[in-house]
Amino acid sequence: PNERYGYIKVGSPKENPSRISAHDMF
C-alpha cells in the first residue's frame, strides 16, 4: 500500500475539466 497511489485521471470524457483541490495534495 505504501508503494501505490490513487491517481486522479484527467482528460477523460467522464470529467473534463477536472476541478482538483489541495485536499488531495500529498
mmCIF file of all heavy atoms, coordinates in Angstrom:
data_MODEL
# 
_entry.id   MODEL 
# 
loop_
_atom_site.group_PDB 
_atom_site.id 
_atom_site.type_symbol 
_atom_site.label_atom_id 
_atom_site.label_alt_id 
_atom_site.label_comp_id 
_atom_site.label_asym_id 
_atom_site.label_entity_id 
_atom_site.label_seq_id 
_atom_site.pdbx_PDB_ins_code 
_atom_site.Cartn_x 
_atom_site.Cartn_y 
_atom_site.Cartn_z 
_atom_site.occupancy 
_atom_site.B_iso_or_equiv 
_atom_site.pdbx_formal_charge 
_atom_site.auth_seq_id 
_atom_site.auth_comp_id 
_atom_site.auth_asym_id 
_atom_site.auth_atom_id 
_atom_site.pdbx_PDB_model_num 
ATOM 1   N N   . PRO A 1 1  ? 0.794   -1.233 0.000   1.00 0.00 ? 1  PRO A N   1 
ATOM 2   C CA  . PRO A 1 1  ? 0.000   0.000  0.000   1.00 0.00 ? 1  PRO A CA  1 
ATOM 3   C C   . PRO A 1 1  ? 0.825   1.281  0.000   1.00 0.00 ? 1  PRO A C   1 
ATOM 4   O O   . PRO A 1 1  ? 0.368   2.311  -0.521  1.00 0.00 ? 1  PRO A O   1 
ATOM 5   C CB  . PRO A 1 1  ? -0.831  -0.118 1.290   1.00 0.00 ? 1  PRO A CB  1 
ATOM 6   C CG  . PRO A 1 1  ? -0.042  -1.039 2.172   1.00 0.00 ? 1  PRO A CG  1 
ATOM 7   C CD  . PRO A 1 1  ? 0.603   -2.014 1.243   1.00 0.00 ? 1  PRO A CD  1 
ATOM 8   N N   . ASN A 1 2  ? 2.030   1.251  0.554   1.00 0.00 ? 2  ASN A N   1 
ATOM 9   C CA  . ASN A 1 2  ? 2.855   2.461  0.561   1.00 0.00 ? 2  ASN A CA  1 
ATOM 10  C C   . ASN A 1 2  ? 3.474   2.764  -0.792  1.00 0.00 ? 2  ASN A C   1 
ATOM 11  O O   . ASN A 1 2  ? 3.937   3.884  -1.039  1.00 0.00 ? 2  ASN A O   1 
ATOM 12  C CB  . ASN A 1 2  ? 3.964   2.349  1.611   1.00 0.00 ? 2  ASN A CB  1 
ATOM 13  C CG  . ASN A 1 2  ? 3.447   2.517  3.026   1.00 0.00 ? 2  ASN A CG  1 
ATOM 14  O OD1 . ASN A 1 2  ? 2.344   3.016  3.244   1.00 0.00 ? 2  ASN A OD1 1 
ATOM 15  N ND2 . ASN A 1 2  ? 4.239   2.097  4.003   1.00 0.00 ? 2  ASN A ND2 1 
ATOM 16  N N   . GLU A 1 3  ? 3.501   1.767  -1.665  1.00 0.00 ? 3  GLU A N   1 
ATOM 17  C CA  . GLU A 1 3  ? 4.087   1.961  -2.987  1.00 0.00 ? 3  GLU A CA  1 
ATOM 18  C C   . GLU A 1 3  ? 3.030   2.293  -4.040  1.00 0.00 ? 3  GLU A C   1 
ATOM 19  O O   . GLU A 1 3  ? 3.357   2.536  -5.207  1.00 0.00 ? 3  GLU A O   1 
ATOM 20  C CB  . GLU A 1 3  ? 4.838   0.696  -3.431  1.00 0.00 ? 3  GLU A CB  1 
ATOM 21  C CG  . GLU A 1 3  ? 6.133   0.442  -2.671  1.00 0.00 ? 3  GLU A CG  1 
ATOM 22  C CD  . GLU A 1 3  ? 5.906   -0.048 -1.251  1.00 0.00 ? 3  GLU A CD  1 
ATOM 23  O OE1 . GLU A 1 3  ? 5.107   -0.987 -1.062  1.00 0.00 ? 3  GLU A OE1 1 
ATOM 24  O OE2 . GLU A 1 3  ? 6.513   0.531  -0.317  1.00 0.00 ? 3  GLU A OE2 1 
ATOM 25  N N   . ARG A 1 4  ? 1.768   2.305  -3.641  1.00 0.00 ? 4  ARG A N   1 
ATOM 26  C CA  . ARG A 1 4  ? 0.683   2.571  -4.584  1.00 0.00 ? 4  ARG A CA  1 
ATOM 27  C C   . ARG A 1 4  ? 0.021   3.907  -4.249  1.00 0.00 ? 4  ARG A C   1 
ATOM 28  O O   . ARG A 1 4  ? 0.015   4.339  -3.106  1.00 0.00 ? 4  ARG A O   1 
ATOM 29  C CB  . ARG A 1 4  ? -0.362  1.457  -4.542  1.00 0.00 ? 4  ARG A CB  1 
ATOM 30  C CG  . ARG A 1 4  ? 0.133   0.089  -4.947  1.00 0.00 ? 4  ARG A CG  1 
ATOM 31  C CD  . ARG A 1 4  ? -1.025  -0.887 -4.983  1.00 0.00 ? 4  ARG A CD  1 
ATOM 32  N NE  . ARG A 1 4  ? -1.994  -0.518 -6.014  1.00 0.00 ? 4  ARG A NE  1 
ATOM 33  C CZ  . ARG A 1 4  ? -3.269  -0.927 -6.029  1.00 0.00 ? 4  ARG A CZ  1 
ATOM 34  N NH1 . ARG A 1 4  ? -3.731  -1.696 -5.061  1.00 0.00 ? 4  ARG A NH1 1 
ATOM 35  N NH2 . ARG A 1 4  ? -4.076  -0.563 -6.996  1.00 0.00 ? 4  ARG A NH2 1 
ATOM 36  N N   . TYR A 1 5  ? -0.570  4.522  -5.267  1.00 0.00 ? 5  TYR A N   1 
ATOM 37  C CA  . TYR A 1 5  ? -1.241  5.805  -5.084  1.00 0.00 ? 5  TYR A CA  1 
ATOM 38  C C   . TYR A 1 5  ? -2.542  5.818  -5.874  1.00 0.00 ? 5  TYR A C   1 
ATOM 39  O O   . TYR A 1 5  ? -2.694  5.100  -6.876  1.00 0.00 ? 5  TYR A O   1 
ATOM 40  C CB  . TYR A 1 5  ? -0.353  6.959  -5.548  1.00 0.00 ? 5  TYR A CB  1 
ATOM 41  C CG  . TYR A 1 5  ? 0.962   7.045  -4.807  1.00 0.00 ? 5  TYR A CG  1 
ATOM 42  C CD1 . TYR A 1 5  ? 2.116   6.445  -5.320  1.00 0.00 ? 5  TYR A CD1 1 
ATOM 43  C CD2 . TYR A 1 5  ? 1.057   7.700  -3.589  1.00 0.00 ? 5  TYR A CD2 1 
ATOM 44  C CE1 . TYR A 1 5  ? 3.324   6.513  -4.642  1.00 0.00 ? 5  TYR A CE1 1 
ATOM 45  C CE2 . TYR A 1 5  ? 2.259   7.766  -2.893  1.00 0.00 ? 5  TYR A CE2 1 
ATOM 46  C CZ  . TYR A 1 5  ? 3.385   7.173  -3.429  1.00 0.00 ? 5  TYR A CZ  1 
ATOM 47  O OH  . TYR A 1 5  ? 4.574   7.237  -2.751  1.00 0.00 ? 5  TYR A OH  1 
ATOM 48  N N   . GLY A 1 6  ? -3.429  6.647  -5.425  1.00 0.00 ? 6  GLY A N   1 
ATOM 49  C CA  . GLY A 1 6  ? -4.647  6.891  -6.184  1.00 0.00 ? 6  GLY A CA  1 
ATOM 50  C C   . GLY A 1 6  ? -4.423  8.067  -7.119  1.00 0.00 ? 6  GLY A C   1 
ATOM 51  O O   . GLY A 1 6  ? -4.319  9.213  -6.671  1.00 0.00 ? 6  GLY A O   1 
ATOM 52  N N   . TYR A 1 7  ? -4.318  7.798  -8.410  1.00 0.00 ? 7  TYR A N   1 
ATOM 53  C CA  . TYR A 1 7  ? -4.074  8.851  -9.391  1.00 0.00 ? 7  TYR A CA  1 
ATOM 54  C C   . TYR A 1 7  ? -5.404  9.431  -9.873  1.00 0.00 ? 7  TYR A C   1 
ATOM 55  O O   . TYR A 1 7  ? -6.295  8.690  -10.307 1.00 0.00 ? 7  TYR A O   1 
ATOM 56  C CB  . TYR A 1 7  ? -3.296  8.306  -10.583 1.00 0.00 ? 7  TYR A CB  1 
ATOM 57  C CG  . TYR A 1 7  ? -1.810  8.184  -10.328 1.00 0.00 ? 7  TYR A CG  1 
ATOM 58  C CD1 . TYR A 1 7  ? -1.288  7.101  -9.624  1.00 0.00 ? 7  TYR A CD1 1 
ATOM 59  C CD2 . TYR A 1 7  ? -0.932  9.160  -10.780 1.00 0.00 ? 7  TYR A CD2 1 
ATOM 60  C CE1 . TYR A 1 7  ? 0.073   6.991  -9.380  1.00 0.00 ? 7  TYR A CE1 1 
ATOM 61  C CE2 . TYR A 1 7  ? 0.442   9.057  -10.546 1.00 0.00 ? 7  TYR A CE2 1 
ATOM 62  C CZ  . TYR A 1 7  ? 0.931   7.972  -9.839  1.00 0.00 ? 7  TYR A CZ  1 
ATOM 63  O OH  . TYR A 1 7  ? 2.282   7.869  -9.594  1.00 0.00 ? 7  TYR A OH  1 
ATOM 64  N N   . ILE A 1 8  ? -5.530  10.745 -9.809  1.00 0.00 ? 8  ILE A N   1 
ATOM 65  C CA  . ILE A 1 8  ? -6.687  11.425 -10.381 1.00 0.00 ? 8  ILE A CA  1 
ATOM 66  C C   . ILE A 1 8  ? -6.521  11.435 -11.895 1.00 0.00 ? 8  ILE A C   1 
ATOM 67  O O   . ILE A 1 8  ? -5.487  11.882 -12.416 1.00 0.00 ? 8  ILE A O   1 
ATOM 68  C CB  . ILE A 1 8  ? -6.804  12.854 -9.826  1.00 0.00 ? 8  ILE A CB  1 
ATOM 69  C CG1 . ILE A 1 8  ? -7.094  12.810 -8.320  1.00 0.00 ? 8  ILE A CG1 1 
ATOM 70  C CG2 . ILE A 1 8  ? -7.883  13.644 -10.565 1.00 0.00 ? 8  ILE A CG2 1 
ATOM 71  C CD1 . ILE A 1 8  ? -7.017  14.166 -7.635  1.00 0.00 ? 8  ILE A CD1 1 
ATOM 72  N N   . LYS A 1 9  ? -7.516  10.950 -12.610 1.00 0.00 ? 9  LYS A N   1 
ATOM 73  C CA  . LYS A 1 9  ? -7.426  10.854 -14.064 1.00 0.00 ? 9  LYS A CA  1 
ATOM 74  C C   . LYS A 1 9  ? -8.038  12.099 -14.698 1.00 0.00 ? 9  LYS A C   1 
ATOM 75  O O   . LYS A 1 9  ? -9.179  12.464 -14.407 1.00 0.00 ? 9  LYS A O   1 
ATOM 76  C CB  . LYS A 1 9  ? -8.145  9.595  -14.558 1.00 0.00 ? 9  LYS A CB  1 
ATOM 77  C CG  . LYS A 1 9  ? -7.463  8.308  -14.125 1.00 0.00 ? 9  LYS A CG  1 
ATOM 78  C CD  . LYS A 1 9  ? -8.123  7.082  -14.756 1.00 0.00 ? 9  LYS A CD  1 
ATOM 79  C CE  . LYS A 1 9  ? -7.354  5.817  -14.401 1.00 0.00 ? 9  LYS A CE  1 
ATOM 80  N NZ  . LYS A 1 9  ? -7.937  4.605  -15.031 1.00 0.00 ? 9  LYS A NZ  1 
ATOM 81  N N   . VAL A 1 10 ? -7.264  12.740 -15.567 1.00 0.00 ? 10 VAL A N   1 
ATOM 82  C CA  . VAL A 1 10 ? -7.720  13.955 -16.236 1.00 0.00 ? 10 VAL A CA  1 
ATOM 83  C C   . VAL A 1 10 ? -7.698  13.748 -17.745 1.00 0.00 ? 10 VAL A C   1 
ATOM 84  O O   . VAL A 1 10 ? -7.029  12.842 -18.259 1.00 0.00 ? 10 VAL A O   1 
ATOM 85  C CB  . VAL A 1 10 ? -6.855  15.164 -15.845 1.00 0.00 ? 10 VAL A CB  1 
ATOM 86  C CG1 . VAL A 1 10 ? -6.914  15.398 -14.339 1.00 0.00 ? 10 VAL A CG1 1 
ATOM 87  C CG2 . VAL A 1 10 ? -5.401  14.983 -16.287 1.00 0.00 ? 10 VAL A CG2 1 
ATOM 88  N N   . GLY A 1 11 ? -8.454  14.596 -18.437 1.00 0.00 ? 11 GLY A N   1 
ATOM 89  C CA  . GLY A 1 11 ? -8.528  14.485 -19.888 1.00 0.00 ? 11 GLY A CA  1 
ATOM 90  C C   . GLY A 1 11 ? -9.492  13.420 -20.355 1.00 0.00 ? 11 GLY A C   1 
ATOM 91  O O   . GLY A 1 11 ? -9.492  13.043 -21.529 1.00 0.00 ? 11 GLY A O   1 
ATOM 92  N N   . SER A 1 12 ? -10.330 12.941 -19.456 1.00 0.00 ? 12 SER A N   1 
ATOM 93  C CA  . SER A 1 12 ? -11.296 11.898 -19.801 1.00 0.00 ? 12 SER A CA  1 
ATOM 94  C C   . SER A 1 12 ? -12.658 12.519 -20.096 1.00 0.00 ? 12 SER A C   1 
ATOM 95  O O   . SER A 1 12 ? -13.032 13.519 -19.463 1.00 0.00 ? 12 SER A O   1 
ATOM 96  C CB  . SER A 1 12 ? -11.433 10.917 -18.631 1.00 0.00 ? 12 SER A CB  1 
ATOM 97  O OG  . SER A 1 12 ? -12.592 10.119 -18.763 1.00 0.00 ? 12 SER A OG  1 
ATOM 98  N N   . PRO A 1 13 ? -13.422 11.939 -21.024 1.00 0.00 ? 13 PRO A N   1 
ATOM 99  C CA  . PRO A 1 13 ? -14.793 12.418 -21.235 1.00 0.00 ? 13 PRO A CA  1 
ATOM 100 C C   . PRO A 1 13 ? -15.657 12.302 -19.978 1.00 0.00 ? 13 PRO A C   1 
ATOM 101 O O   . PRO A 1 13 ? -16.677 12.978 -19.870 1.00 0.00 ? 13 PRO A O   1 
ATOM 102 C CB  . PRO A 1 13 ? -15.320 11.497 -22.350 1.00 0.00 ? 13 PRO A CB  1 
ATOM 103 C CG  . PRO A 1 13 ? -14.111 10.938 -23.003 1.00 0.00 ? 13 PRO A CG  1 
ATOM 104 C CD  . PRO A 1 13 ? -13.061 10.852 -21.950 1.00 0.00 ? 13 PRO A CD  1 
ATOM 105 N N   . LYS A 1 14 ? -15.246 11.467 -19.032 1.00 0.00 ? 14 LYS A N   1 
ATOM 106 C CA  . LYS A 1 14 ? -16.003 11.307 -17.788 1.00 0.00 ? 14 LYS A CA  1 
ATOM 107 C C   . LYS A 1 14 ? -15.957 12.560 -16.916 1.00 0.00 ? 14 LYS A C   1 
ATOM 108 O O   . LYS A 1 14 ? -16.862 12.804 -16.115 1.00 0.00 ? 14 LYS A O   1 
ATOM 109 C CB  . LYS A 1 14 ? -15.458 10.122 -16.992 1.00 0.00 ? 14 LYS A CB  1 
ATOM 110 C CG  . LYS A 1 14 ? -15.532 8.787  -17.688 1.00 0.00 ? 14 LYS A CG  1 
ATOM 111 C CD  . LYS A 1 14 ? -16.945 8.256  -17.730 1.00 0.00 ? 14 LYS A CD  1 
ATOM 112 C CE  . LYS A 1 14 ? -16.967 6.823  -18.272 1.00 0.00 ? 14 LYS A CE  1 
ATOM 113 N NZ  . LYS A 1 14 ? -18.343 6.282  -18.319 1.00 0.00 ? 14 LYS A NZ  1 
ATOM 114 N N   . GLU A 1 15 ? -14.856 13.339 -17.044 1.00 0.00 ? 15 GLU A N   1 
ATOM 115 C CA  . GLU A 1 15 ? -14.719 14.561 -16.266 1.00 0.00 ? 15 GLU A CA  1 
ATOM 116 C C   . GLU A 1 15 ? -13.729 15.477 -16.962 1.00 0.00 ? 15 GLU A C   1 
ATOM 117 O O   . GLU A 1 15 ? -12.524 15.236 -16.945 1.00 0.00 ? 15 GLU A O   1 
ATOM 118 C CB  . GLU A 1 15 ? -14.237 14.258 -14.840 1.00 0.00 ? 15 GLU A CB  1 
ATOM 119 C CG  . GLU A 1 15 ? -14.194 15.508 -13.961 1.00 0.00 ? 15 GLU A CG  1 
ATOM 120 C CD  . GLU A 1 15 ? -13.561 15.252 -12.599 1.00 0.00 ? 15 GLU A CD  1 
ATOM 121 O OE1 . GLU A 1 15 ? -12.629 14.434 -12.514 1.00 0.00 ? 15 GLU A OE1 1 
ATOM 122 O OE2 . GLU A 1 15 ? -14.016 15.887 -11.632 1.00 0.00 ? 15 GLU A OE2 1 
ATOM 123 N N   . ASN A 1 16 ? -14.233 16.528 -17.575 1.00 0.00 ? 16 ASN A N   1 
ATOM 124 C CA  . ASN A 1 16 ? -13.377 17.475 -18.283 1.00 0.00 ? 16 ASN A CA  1 
ATOM 125 C C   . ASN A 1 16 ? -14.084 18.821 -18.364 1.00 0.00 ? 16 ASN A C   1 
ATOM 126 O O   . ASN A 1 16 ? -15.122 18.917 -19.018 1.00 0.00 ? 16 ASN A O   1 
ATOM 127 C CB  . ASN A 1 16 ? -13.053 16.954 -19.684 1.00 0.00 ? 16 ASN A CB  1 
ATOM 128 C CG  . ASN A 1 16 ? -11.952 17.753 -20.356 1.00 0.00 ? 16 ASN A CG  1 
ATOM 129 O OD1 . ASN A 1 16 ? -10.971 18.111 -19.723 1.00 0.00 ? 16 ASN A OD1 1 
ATOM 130 N ND2 . ASN A 1 16 ? -12.132 18.046 -21.637 1.00 0.00 ? 16 ASN A ND2 1 
ATOM 131 N N   . PRO A 1 17 ? -13.590 19.841 -17.672 1.00 0.00 ? 17 PRO A N   1 
ATOM 132 C CA  . PRO A 1 17 ? -12.351 19.886 -16.908 1.00 0.00 ? 17 PRO A CA  1 
ATOM 133 C C   . PRO A 1 17 ? -12.480 19.187 -15.556 1.00 0.00 ? 17 PRO A C   1 
ATOM 134 O O   . PRO A 1 17 ? -13.592 18.914 -15.076 1.00 0.00 ? 17 PRO A O   1 
ATOM 135 C CB  . PRO A 1 17 ? -12.124 21.385 -16.709 1.00 0.00 ? 17 PRO A CB  1 
ATOM 136 C CG  . PRO A 1 17 ? -13.504 21.959 -16.682 1.00 0.00 ? 17 PRO A CG  1 
ATOM 137 C CD  . PRO A 1 17 ? -14.284 21.144 -17.677 1.00 0.00 ? 17 PRO A CD  1 
ATOM 138 N N   . SER A 1 18 ? -11.338 18.923 -14.948 1.00 0.00 ? 18 SER A N   1 
ATOM 139 C CA  . SER A 1 18 ? -11.288 18.369 -13.596 1.00 0.00 ? 18 SER A CA  1 
ATOM 140 C C   . SER A 1 18 ? -10.990 19.496 -12.615 1.00 0.00 ? 18 SER A C   1 
ATOM 141 O O   . SER A 1 18 ? -10.046 20.262 -12.811 1.00 0.00 ? 18 SER A O   1 
ATOM 142 C CB  . SER A 1 18 ? -10.201 17.294 -13.495 1.00 0.00 ? 18 SER A CB  1 
ATOM 143 O OG  . SER A 1 18 ? -10.490 16.198 -14.333 1.00 0.00 ? 18 SER A OG  1 
ATOM 144 N N   . ARG A 1 19 ? -11.798 19.590 -11.569 1.00 0.00 ? 19 ARG A N   1 
ATOM 145 C CA  . ARG A 1 19 ? -11.631 20.597 -10.507 1.00 0.00 ? 19 ARG A CA  1 
ATOM 146 C C   . ARG A 1 19 ? -10.961 19.892 -9.325  1.00 0.00 ? 19 ARG A C   1 
ATOM 147 O O   . ARG A 1 19 ? -11.553 19.074 -8.658  1.00 0.00 ? 19 ARG A O   1 
ATOM 148 C CB  . ARG A 1 19 ? -12.993 21.158 -10.109 1.00 0.00 ? 19 ARG A CB  1 
ATOM 149 C CG  . ARG A 1 19 ? -13.032 22.103 -8.910  1.00 0.00 ? 19 ARG A CG  1 
ATOM 150 C CD  . ARG A 1 19 ? -14.497 22.354 -8.571  1.00 0.00 ? 19 ARG A CD  1 
ATOM 151 N NE  . ARG A 1 19 ? -14.741 23.308 -7.511  1.00 0.00 ? 19 ARG A NE  1 
ATOM 152 C CZ  . ARG A 1 19 ? -14.883 22.994 -6.223  1.00 0.00 ? 19 ARG A CZ  1 
ATOM 153 N NH1 . ARG A 1 19 ? -14.756 21.719 -5.828  1.00 0.00 ? 19 ARG A NH1 1 
ATOM 154 N NH2 . ARG A 1 19 ? -15.158 23.918 -5.329  1.00 0.00 ? 19 ARG A NH2 1 
ATOM 155 N N   . ILE A 1 20 ? -9.701  20.192 -9.081  1.00 0.00 ? 20 ILE A N   1 
ATOM 156 C CA  . ILE A 1 20 ? -8.889  19.482 -8.094  1.00 0.00 ? 20 ILE A CA  1 
ATOM 157 C C   . ILE A 1 20 ? -8.529  20.458 -6.976  1.00 0.00 ? 20 ILE A C   1 
ATOM 158 O O   . ILE A 1 20 ? -8.223  21.621 -7.237  1.00 0.00 ? 20 ILE A O   1 
ATOM 159 C CB  . ILE A 1 20 ? -7.625  18.914 -8.774  1.00 0.00 ? 20 ILE A CB  1 
ATOM 160 C CG1 . ILE A 1 20 ? -8.025  17.924 -9.876  1.00 0.00 ? 20 ILE A CG1 1 
ATOM 161 C CG2 . ILE A 1 20 ? -6.716  18.232 -7.759  1.00 0.00 ? 20 ILE A CG2 1 
ATOM 162 C CD1 . ILE A 1 20 ? -6.883  17.556 -10.809 1.00 0.00 ? 20 ILE A CD1 1 
ATOM 163 N N   . SER A 1 21 ? -8.555  19.979 -5.757  1.00 0.00 ? 21 SER A N   1 
ATOM 164 C CA  . SER A 1 21 ? -8.260  20.870 -4.626  1.00 0.00 ? 21 SER A CA  1 
ATOM 165 C C   . SER A 1 21 ? -7.066  20.371 -3.828  1.00 0.00 ? 21 SER A C   1 
ATOM 166 O O   . SER A 1 21 ? -6.632  19.222 -3.953  1.00 0.00 ? 21 SER A O   1 
ATOM 167 C CB  . SER A 1 21 ? -9.484  20.996 -3.707  1.00 0.00 ? 21 SER A CB  1 
ATOM 168 O OG  . SER A 1 21 ? -9.588  19.883 -2.847  1.00 0.00 ? 21 SER A OG  1 
ATOM 169 N N   . ALA A 1 22 ? -6.560  21.250 -2.960  1.00 0.00 ? 22 ALA A N   1 
ATOM 170 C CA  . ALA A 1 22 ? -5.418  20.907 -2.111  1.00 0.00 ? 22 ALA A CA  1 
ATOM 171 C C   . ALA A 1 22 ? -5.757  19.842 -1.080  1.00 0.00 ? 22 ALA A C   1 
ATOM 172 O O   . ALA A 1 22 ? -4.856  19.303 -0.434  1.00 0.00 ? 22 ALA A O   1 
ATOM 173 C CB  . ALA A 1 22 ? -4.891  22.159 -1.412  1.00 0.00 ? 22 ALA A CB  1 
ATOM 174 N N   . HIS A 1 23 ? -7.024  19.524 -0.926  1.00 0.00 ? 23 HIS A N   1 
ATOM 175 C CA  . HIS A 1 23 ? -7.467  18.420 -0.070  1.00 0.00 ? 23 HIS A CA  1 
ATOM 176 C C   . HIS A 1 23 ? -6.731  17.134 -0.424  1.00 0.00 ? 23 HIS A C   1 
ATOM 177 O O   . HIS A 1 23 ? -6.399  16.327 0.454   1.00 0.00 ? 23 HIS A O   1 
ATOM 178 C CB  . HIS A 1 23 ? -8.982  18.267 -0.249  1.00 0.00 ? 23 HIS A CB  1 
ATOM 179 C CG  . HIS A 1 23 ? -9.628  17.190 0.565   1.00 0.00 ? 23 HIS A CG  1 
ATOM 180 N ND1 . HIS A 1 23 ? -9.586  15.862 0.206   1.00 0.00 ? 23 HIS A ND1 1 
ATOM 181 C CD2 . HIS A 1 23 ? -10.352 17.252 1.702   1.00 0.00 ? 23 HIS A CD2 1 
ATOM 182 C CE1 . HIS A 1 23 ? -10.267 15.155 1.097   1.00 0.00 ? 23 HIS A CE1 1 
ATOM 183 N NE2 . HIS A 1 23 ? -10.736 15.967 2.016   1.00 0.00 ? 23 HIS A NE2 1 
ATOM 184 N N   . ASP A 1 24 ? -6.458  16.913 -1.722  1.00 0.00 ? 24 ASP A N   1 
ATOM 185 C CA  . ASP A 1 24 ? -5.855  15.668 -2.192  1.00 0.00 ? 24 ASP A CA  1 
ATOM 186 C C   . ASP A 1 24 ? -4.382  15.822 -2.556  1.00 0.00 ? 24 ASP A C   1 
ATOM 187 O O   . ASP A 1 24 ? -3.819  14.960 -3.240  1.00 0.00 ? 24 ASP A O   1 
ATOM 188 C CB  . ASP A 1 24 ? -6.641  15.134 -3.390  1.00 0.00 ? 24 ASP A CB  1 
ATOM 189 C CG  . ASP A 1 24 ? -8.053  14.720 -3.001  1.00 0.00 ? 24 ASP A CG  1 
ATOM 190 O OD1 . ASP A 1 24 ? -8.236  14.230 -1.874  1.00 0.00 ? 24 ASP A OD1 1 
ATOM 191 O OD2 . ASP A 1 24 ? -8.983  14.912 -3.809  1.00 0.00 ? 24 ASP A OD2 1 
ATOM 192 N N   . MET A 1 25 ? -3.759  16.883 -2.088  1.00 0.00 ? 25 MET A N   1 
ATOM 193 C CA  . MET A 1 25 ? -2.332  17.086 -2.305  1.00 0.00 ? 25 MET A CA  1 
ATOM 194 C C   . MET A 1 25 ? -1.536  16.285 -1.288  1.00 0.00 ? 25 MET A C   1 
ATOM 195 O O   . MET A 1 25 ? -1.814  16.319 -0.092  1.00 0.00 ? 25 MET A O   1 
ATOM 196 C CB  . MET A 1 25 ? -2.003  18.576 -2.162  1.00 0.00 ? 25 MET A CB  1 
ATOM 197 C CG  . MET A 1 25 ? -0.538  18.922 -2.314  1.00 0.00 ? 25 MET A CG  1 
ATOM 198 S SD  . MET A 1 25 ? -0.217  20.698 -2.120  1.00 0.00 ? 25 MET A SD  1 
ATOM 199 C CE  . MET A 1 25 ? -0.515  20.921 -0.351  1.00 0.00 ? 25 MET A CE  1 
ATOM 200 N N   . PHE A 1 26 ? -0.530  15.538 -1.765  1.00 0.00 ? 26 PHE A N   1 
ATOM 201 C CA  . PHE A 1 26 ? 0.352   14.791 -0.873  1.00 0.00 ? 26 PHE A CA  1 
ATOM 202 C C   . PHE A 1 26 ? 1.291   15.770 -0.179  1.00 0.00 ? 26 PHE A C   1 
ATOM 203 O O   . PHE A 1 26 ? 2.083   16.459 -0.832  1.00 0.00 ? 26 PHE A O   1 
ATOM 204 C CB  . PHE A 1 26 ? 1.165   13.752 -1.654  1.00 0.00 ? 26 PHE A CB  1 
ATOM 205 C CG  . PHE A 1 26 ? 0.393   12.524 -1.993  1.00 0.00 ? 26 PHE A CG  1 
ATOM 206 C CD1 . PHE A 1 26 ? -0.434  12.503 -3.096  1.00 0.00 ? 26 PHE A CD1 1 
ATOM 207 C CD2 . PHE A 1 26 ? 0.465   11.403 -1.188  1.00 0.00 ? 26 PHE A CD2 1 
ATOM 208 C CE1 . PHE A 1 26 ? -1.161  11.373 -3.408  1.00 0.00 ? 26 PHE A CE1 1 
ATOM 209 C CE2 . PHE A 1 26 ? -0.255  10.267 -1.490  1.00 0.00 ? 26 PHE A CE2 1 
ATOM 210 C CZ  . PHE A 1 26 ? -1.078  10.249 -2.602  1.00 0.00 ? 26 PHE A CZ  1 
# 
